[in-house]
Amino acid sequence: MRHLSFNYPYFRNGVHVMSNKASIKVRYFASLKENLGRSEDHLVYTGLMTVREIWCSANPGQPLPCNILAAVNMDYVDLDSLIEAGDEVAFFPPVTGG
C-alpha cells in the first residue's frame, strides 16, 4: 500500500497525517493487482478529479489498460466520473464469462 499526495501534503508536527475528509482509497483487483504488485493505494486529495486522473496519479508511467472497469463507492462508473474526498475507487480488468 502506498500513500500519495496531490497538491500539498498534510503535516502536523512534522508527521504526515491522512485526513478522512481529504483521502481517497484506490483498490486494484485480479490481474491489475498482480501486475501492479499491490492491492491498494491511499491518496491525499484536495480537489475534484476524474477516475481516469486518479489512475494516472496513482500509477505514473502505467497506461490505463484497455477496457478497464471502475467503481466508485461500489457502483460502476465511467472513467470521466468525478471523484470526491472520502470516495473509494476500485479498478477491475474486464470480466468474462464461461
Protein backbone atom coordinates (compact mmCIF):
# COMPACT_ATOMS: atom_id res chain seq x y z
CA MET A 1 0.00 0.00 0.00
CA ARG A 2 1.28 3.45 -0.92
CA HIS A 3 0.27 6.87 0.34
CA LEU A 4 0.38 9.55 -2.36
CA SER A 5 -0.27 13.27 -2.14
CA PHE A 6 -1.91 15.71 -4.56
CA ASN A 7 -1.33 19.45 -4.50
CA TYR A 8 0.01 19.62 -0.95
CA PRO A 9 0.71 17.17 1.90
CA TYR A 10 -0.89 17.41 5.31
CA PHE A 11 1.68 17.68 8.08
CA ARG A 12 1.18 18.01 11.82
CA ASN A 13 4.29 18.43 13.99
CA GLY A 14 6.42 17.16 11.10
CA VAL A 15 4.36 13.97 10.67
CA HIS A 16 2.34 13.21 7.55
CA VAL A 17 -1.33 12.95 8.52
CA MET A 18 -4.05 11.27 6.45
CA SER A 19 -7.38 13.00 6.89
CA ASN A 20 -10.55 11.00 6.20
CA LYS A 21 -12.05 14.12 4.64
CA ALA A 22 -9.10 14.54 2.28
CA SER A 23 -8.30 10.99 1.27
CA ILE A 24 -9.27 8.52 -1.42
CA LYS A 25 -8.81 4.79 -1.19
CA VAL A 26 -7.86 3.20 -4.52
CA ARG A 27 -8.23 -0.58 -4.82
CA TYR A 28 -6.98 -2.95 -7.53
CA PHE A 29 -8.38 -6.40 -8.26
CA ALA A 30 -7.41 -9.59 -10.12
CA SER A 31 -4.71 -9.19 -12.80
CA LEU A 32 -4.37 -5.44 -12.09
CA LYS A 33 -3.37 -6.25 -8.52
CA GLU A 34 -0.87 -8.83 -9.79
CA ASN A 35 0.62 -6.53 -12.44
CA LEU A 36 0.93 -3.53 -10.11
CA GLY A 37 2.23 -5.58 -7.18
CA ARG A 38 -0.18 -4.05 -4.68
CA SER A 39 -3.85 -4.17 -3.79
CA GLU A 40 -4.48 -0.56 -2.82
CA ASP A 41 -3.25 3.00 -2.53
CA HIS A 42 -4.35 5.83 -0.26
CA LEU A 43 -4.25 9.24 -1.91
CA VAL A 44 -4.37 12.64 -0.25
CA TYR A 45 -6.89 14.66 -2.22
CA THR A 46 -7.57 18.38 -2.41
CA GLY A 47 -9.79 18.92 -5.46
CA LEU A 48 -12.15 17.29 -7.92
CA MET A 49 -10.56 14.69 -10.18
CA THR A 50 -11.90 12.09 -12.60
CA VAL A 51 -11.49 8.34 -12.20
CA ARG A 52 -9.05 8.45 -15.14
CA GLU A 53 -6.95 11.13 -13.38
CA ILE A 54 -6.91 9.03 -10.20
CA TRP A 55 -5.41 6.11 -12.18
CA CYS A 56 -2.77 8.38 -13.75
CA SER A 57 -1.83 9.96 -10.40
CA ALA A 58 -1.62 6.64 -8.57
CA ASN A 59 0.20 4.87 -11.41
CA PRO A 60 2.54 7.32 -13.15
CA GLY A 61 4.03 5.84 -16.28
CA GLN A 62 1.48 2.99 -16.33
CA PRO A 63 -1.01 3.33 -19.17
CA LEU A 64 -4.66 2.85 -18.35
CA PRO A 65 -5.46 -0.70 -19.51
CA CYS A 66 -7.95 -1.10 -22.36
CA ASN A 67 -11.48 -1.99 -21.32
CA ILE A 68 -10.76 -1.42 -17.62
CA LEU A 69 -13.79 -1.25 -15.34
CA ALA A 70 -14.05 1.22 -12.48
CA ALA A 71 -16.33 1.60 -9.49
CA VAL A 72 -16.77 4.45 -7.02
CA ASN A 73 -18.20 3.52 -3.65
CA MET A 74 -19.18 0.09 -5.07
CA ASP A 75 -21.09 1.47 -8.08
CA TYR A 76 -19.71 1.04 -11.61
CA VAL A 77 -18.87 4.40 -13.20
CA ASP A 78 -17.50 5.93 -16.38
CA LEU A 79 -13.78 6.83 -16.36
CA ASP A 80 -14.70 10.50 -16.67
CA SER A 81 -16.82 10.45 -13.49
CA LEU A 82 -15.74 12.91 -10.80
CA ILE A 83 -14.28 11.72 -7.52
CA GLU A 84 -14.80 13.49 -4.22
CA ALA A 85 -12.88 13.37 -0.96
CA GLY A 86 -13.64 10.23 1.02
CA ASP A 87 -14.56 8.15 -2.04
CA GLU A 88 -13.28 4.64 -2.65
CA VAL A 89 -12.25 3.94 -6.24
CA ALA A 90 -11.80 0.38 -7.49
CA PHE A 91 -10.30 -0.81 -10.76
CA PHE A 92 -11.10 -4.20 -12.33
CA PRO A 93 -9.98 -5.92 -15.51
CA PRO A 94 -12.77 -6.78 -17.96
CA VAL A 95 -14.98 -9.60 -16.68
CA THR A 96 -15.52 -12.61 -18.92
CA GLY A 97 -17.98 -15.42 -18.50
CA GLY A 98 -17.78 -19.03 -19.47
